[in-house]
Amino acid sequence: MAGTQHTQTHPKYQYRFMALLRADMTAAPCRLTIEATSEQEARQRLSGRYILSFAGCIPAQEVRHV
């Protein structure tokens, strides 16, 4: 019996945050943009280094080669 191949992909979004660097609380806030499938994934990838405030979410544009 042949195995089935999972071809469904999760849509990616660009999540934007205002962020403060945890290591330097005197630094000015900066804007971070990260591509992820969910806000939770985006926060998990950044929260170790930054204190985050959600700023927005837009669909990621896929690159198409012609």
Protein backbone atom coordinates (compact mmCIF):
# COMPACT_ATOMS: atom_id res chain seq x y z
CA MET A 1 0.00 0.00 0.00
CA ALA A 2 1.45 3.33 -1.04
CA GLY A 3 1.71 6.12 1.52
CA THR A 4 -0.11 9.39 1.01
CA GLN A 5 1.80 12.62 0.75
CA HIS A 6 0.57 15.58 2.75
CA THR A 7 0.50 18.57 0.39
CA GLN A 8 -1.62 21.06 2.35
CA THR A 9 0.33 24.10 3.47
CA HIS A 10 -0.50 26.61 6.16
CA PRO A 11 -0.80 30.21 4.97
CA LYS A 12 2.01 32.49 6.10
CA TYR A 13 1.55 36.01 7.39
CA GLN A 14 3.86 38.87 8.24
CA TYR A 15 3.38 39.75 11.90
CA ARG A 16 4.55 43.15 13.06
CA PHE A 17 5.45 44.08 16.60
CA MET A 18 6.81 47.05 18.47
CA ALA A 19 9.62 45.62 20.56
CA LEU A 20 11.99 46.41 23.40
CA LEU A 21 15.27 44.53 23.67
CA ARG A 22 15.22 42.63 26.99
CA ALA A 23 18.99 43.01 27.42
CA ASP A 24 18.87 46.84 27.11
CA MET A 25 15.77 48.41 28.63
CA THR A 26 17.13 51.89 27.82
CA ALA A 27 17.12 51.21 24.06
CA ALA A 28 14.45 52.83 21.93
CA PRO A 29 11.54 50.63 20.80
CA CYS A 30 11.93 49.16 17.33
CA ARG A 31 9.55 47.62 14.78
CA LEU A 32 10.03 43.92 14.04
CA THR A 33 8.49 41.97 11.16
CA ILE A 34 8.50 38.16 11.10
CA GLU A 35 6.87 35.63 8.77
CA ALA A 36 4.92 32.89 10.57
CA THR A 37 1.75 30.80 10.31
CA SER A 38 0.26 32.20 13.55
CA GLU A 39 0.74 35.04 16.02
CA GLN A 40 1.64 32.46 18.66
CA GLU A 41 4.46 31.09 16.48
CA ALA A 42 5.74 34.61 15.79
CA ARG A 43 5.73 35.49 19.50
CA GLN A 44 7.48 32.23 20.43
CA ARG A 45 10.29 32.98 17.99
CA LEU A 46 10.84 36.54 19.28
CA SER A 47 9.81 36.60 22.95
CA GLY A 48 13.08 35.21 24.30
CA ARG A 49 14.94 38.31 23.20
CA TYR A 50 12.24 41.01 23.05
CA ILE A 51 9.27 42.38 24.98
CA LEU A 52 6.55 42.53 22.31
CA SER A 53 3.48 44.61 21.59
CA PHE A 54 1.34 43.44 18.65
CA ALA A 55 1.15 46.01 15.83
CA GLY A 56 -0.45 44.17 12.90
CA CYS A 57 -0.70 41.21 10.55
CA ILE A 58 -0.70 41.09 6.74
CA PRO A 59 -0.67 38.13 4.32
CA ALA A 60 2.85 37.20 3.20
CA GLN A 61 3.54 37.54 -0.52
CA GLU A 62 4.94 34.42 -2.14
CA VAL A 63 7.86 34.86 -4.52
CA ARG A 64 7.07 33.60 -8.01
CA HIS A 65 9.87 33.02 -10.48
CA VAL A 66 8.95 33.67 -14.11
